[in-house]
Amino acid sequence: MARLQIPLDALTSRLNLGDRFSSMRSTSLTQRFSNLRPLSEFLDVKRFSKPANFAETQSRVNYNLSYFSSNYFGVFLMLTIYSLLSNWGLLFDIIFVVGGTYVISKLEGRDLEFGSQRFSTAQLYTGMYIIAIPVALWVGISGALLWLIGASGVTIIGHAAFLDKPIDEAFSGEAV
């Protein structure tokens, strides 16, 4: 039976995902939020309208995703915080993994002696993951991730598609 080959480069090059996310890796959080747009501009009700066709929708989405990128990142962070606060088990599991990783890294490669027992860092990491992964599956991490992706996508793409460009930007791409 032959394997199905999916050309990921063809899919991602059309959406320009590599260039869109490369700037996010190289910026810190302070730089990320330095170009945060004011809420009066982000939620300008007078500029919301239905796009006439798909080309206009695509043009609006491309413009708004780059112009309001910090605001959209803030929306994603708020939805993430809401998701964690509404799922206490998942929040506990994440705190457990982060805290366990911190404590194990403080050992600096030495073994942990607990009474007469001796545990290596590999054993400690394995024990932590043996506990954390079933707990994450039990509390519904997949549902939380799918909800976060769906809610973020609908909110961000919906806002970007229905918010019209400013008047000065609308005519900048047209030839005179």
Protein backbone atom coordinates (compact mmCIF):
# COMPACT_ATOMS: atom_id res chain seq x y z
CA MET A 1 0.00 0.00 0.00
CA ALA A 2 1.53 3.32 -1.06
CA ARG A 3 1.88 6.22 1.34
CA LEU A 4 -0.07 9.38 0.76
CA GLN A 5 2.31 12.32 0.27
CA ILE A 6 0.93 15.75 1.11
CA PRO A 7 2.93 18.65 -0.34
CA LEU A 8 3.09 20.86 2.76
CA ASP A 9 5.37 23.38 1.04
CA ALA A 10 2.73 24.02 -1.61
CA LEU A 11 0.08 24.64 1.05
CA THR A 12 2.18 26.84 3.34
CA SER A 13 3.82 28.88 0.59
CA ARG A 14 0.43 30.03 -0.69
CA LEU A 15 -0.63 31.19 2.77
CA ASN A 16 2.79 32.77 3.45
CA LEU A 17 2.85 31.20 6.92
CA GLY A 18 6.63 30.96 7.16
CA ASP A 19 7.17 34.69 6.76
CA ARG A 20 4.16 35.60 8.88
CA PHE A 21 5.40 33.65 11.93
CA SER A 22 9.16 34.23 11.54
CA SER A 23 8.87 37.71 13.03
CA MET A 24 7.06 36.33 16.08
CA ARG A 25 9.99 34.07 16.99
CA SER A 26 12.52 36.88 17.05
CA THR A 27 10.56 39.41 19.14
CA SER A 28 10.17 39.65 22.89
CA LEU A 29 6.84 40.28 24.62
CA THR A 30 7.62 43.97 25.17
CA GLN A 31 8.40 44.42 21.49
CA ARG A 32 5.32 42.39 20.59
CA PHE A 33 3.03 44.74 22.50
CA SER A 34 4.87 47.95 21.59
CA ASN A 35 2.74 48.43 18.46
CA LEU A 36 -0.55 47.70 20.22
CA ARG A 37 -3.30 49.72 18.54
CA PRO A 38 -5.83 51.64 20.67
CA LEU A 39 -9.16 49.95 21.42
CA SER A 40 -11.05 52.83 19.79
CA GLU A 41 -9.32 51.96 16.51
CA PHE A 42 -9.49 48.19 17.01
CA LEU A 43 -13.22 48.22 17.81
CA ASP A 44 -14.30 51.04 15.48
CA VAL A 45 -17.93 50.09 14.87
CA LYS A 46 -18.27 52.58 12.00
CA ARG A 47 -15.71 50.64 9.94
CA PHE A 48 -17.42 47.24 10.25
CA SER A 49 -19.10 46.16 7.03
CA LYS A 50 -19.73 43.10 4.93
CA PRO A 51 -17.09 42.64 2.21
CA ALA A 52 -18.40 42.74 -1.34
CA ASN A 53 -16.47 39.73 -2.66
CA PHE A 54 -13.72 37.27 -1.80
CA ALA A 55 -10.94 39.51 -3.16
CA GLU A 56 -11.98 42.30 -0.82
CA THR A 57 -12.20 39.85 2.08
CA GLN A 58 -8.70 38.60 1.33
CA SER A 59 -7.38 42.16 1.07
CA ARG A 60 -8.97 43.12 4.40
CA VAL A 61 -7.66 40.02 6.17
CA ASN A 62 -4.12 40.54 4.86
CA TYR A 63 -4.10 44.20 5.90
CA ASN A 64 -5.73 43.73 9.31
CA LEU A 65 -3.64 40.70 10.31
CA SER A 66 -0.45 42.68 9.87
CA TYR A 67 -1.79 46.00 11.19
CA PHE A 68 -3.49 44.60 14.32
CA SER A 69 -1.11 41.68 14.95
CA SER A 70 -0.39 42.73 18.54
CA ASN A 71 -4.08 43.18 19.29
CA TYR A 72 -4.84 39.74 17.87
CA PHE A 73 -2.05 38.25 19.98
CA GLY A 74 -3.68 39.88 23.01
CA VAL A 75 -7.04 38.37 22.06
CA PHE A 76 -5.38 34.95 21.78
CA LEU A 77 -3.77 35.39 25.24
CA MET A 78 -7.09 36.38 26.80
CA LEU A 79 -8.83 33.36 25.28
CA THR A 80 -5.98 31.14 26.53
CA ILE A 81 -6.32 32.53 30.08
CA TYR A 82 -10.10 32.03 29.92
CA SER A 83 -9.61 28.46 28.73
CA LEU A 84 -7.22 27.69 31.61
CA LEU A 85 -9.41 29.35 34.24
CA SER A 86 -12.45 27.41 33.07
CA ASN A 87 -10.54 24.09 33.23
CA TRP A 88 -8.90 23.89 36.67
CA GLY A 89 -7.55 20.38 36.08
CA LEU A 90 -5.63 21.49 33.02
CA LEU A 91 -4.29 24.54 34.87
CA PHE A 92 -3.11 22.29 37.71
CA ASP A 93 -1.46 19.91 35.25
CA ILE A 94 0.42 22.74 33.53
CA ILE A 95 1.56 24.14 36.89
CA PHE A 96 2.65 20.62 37.90
CA VAL A 97 4.78 20.18 34.74
CA VAL A 98 6.31 23.67 34.91
CA GLY A 99 7.03 23.34 38.63
CA GLY A 100 8.41 19.82 38.25
CA THR A 101 10.68 20.89 35.41
CA TYR A 102 11.93 23.82 37.49
CA VAL A 103 12.65 21.64 40.53
CA ILE A 104 14.41 18.98 38.45
CA SER A 105 16.51 21.62 36.67
CA LYS A 106 17.63 22.94 40.07
CA LEU A 107 19.32 19.57 40.68
CA GLU A 108 21.76 20.44 37.84
CA GLY A 109 22.13 16.82 36.73
CA ARG A 110 22.73 15.37 40.21
CA ASP A 111 20.67 12.49 41.54
CA LEU A 112 17.89 13.11 44.05
CA GLU A 113 18.34 11.22 47.30
CA PHE A 114 15.07 10.56 49.06
CA GLY A 115 15.76 8.49 52.15
CA SER A 116 17.65 5.43 50.99
CA GLN A 117 16.38 5.77 47.40
CA ARG A 118 18.31 7.47 44.63
CA PHE A 119 16.55 8.90 41.55
CA SER A 120 18.31 10.17 38.43
CA THR A 121 17.00 13.18 36.50
CA ALA A 122 15.83 10.86 33.71
CA GLN A 123 13.78 8.87 36.22
CA LEU A 124 12.32 12.07 37.68
CA TYR A 125 11.29 13.39 34.24
CA THR A 126 9.81 10.00 33.35
CA GLY A 127 7.83 9.88 36.58
CA MET A 128 6.57 13.41 36.06
CA TYR A 129 5.37 12.61 32.53
CA ILE A 130 3.81 9.32 33.62
CA ILE A 131 1.64 11.39 35.94
CA ALA A 132 1.12 14.50 33.76
CA ILE A 133 0.12 12.92 30.43
CA PRO A 134 -2.78 10.78 31.73
CA VAL A 135 -4.01 13.71 33.85
CA ALA A 136 -3.91 15.98 30.77
CA LEU A 137 -5.88 13.42 28.75
CA TRP A 138 -8.35 12.93 31.61
CA VAL A 139 -9.08 16.66 32.05
CA GLY A 140 -9.58 17.15 28.32
CA ILE A 141 -6.57 18.91 26.87
CA SER A 142 -7.61 18.06 23.32
CA GLY A 143 -11.01 19.67 23.77
CA ALA A 144 -9.44 22.76 25.31
CA LEU A 145 -6.93 23.07 22.45
CA LEU A 146 -9.59 22.61 19.79
CA TRP A 147 -11.82 25.18 21.51
CA LEU A 148 -8.91 27.62 21.71
CA ILE A 149 -8.04 27.18 18.03
CA GLY A 150 -11.68 27.51 16.96
CA ALA A 151 -12.52 30.48 19.17
CA SER A 152 -9.33 32.31 18.21
CA GLY A 153 -9.79 31.60 14.52
CA VAL A 154 -13.42 32.71 14.41
CA THR A 155 -12.76 35.83 16.48
CA ILE A 156 -9.57 36.96 14.76
CA ILE A 157 -10.43 36.06 11.16
CA GLY A 158 -13.98 37.35 11.64
CA HIS A 159 -12.72 40.69 12.93
CA ALA A 160 -10.10 40.94 10.19
CA ALA A 161 -12.63 40.15 7.45
CA PHE A 162 -15.36 42.54 8.56
CA LEU A 163 -13.24 45.54 9.61
CA ASP A 164 -12.77 47.78 6.60
CA LYS A 165 -9.45 49.42 5.83
CA PRO A 166 -9.04 53.11 6.69
CA ILE A 167 -9.90 55.52 3.87
CA ASP A 168 -6.29 56.53 3.24
CA GLU A 169 -5.22 52.86 2.97
CA ALA A 170 -8.14 51.86 0.74
CA PHE A 171 -6.90 54.04 -2.13
CA SER A 172 -3.15 53.51 -1.67
CA GLY A 173 -3.12 50.29 -3.74
CA GLU A 174 -5.06 51.67 -6.69
CA ALA A 175 -3.38 53.17 -9.74
CA VAL A 176 -4.35 56.73 -10.62
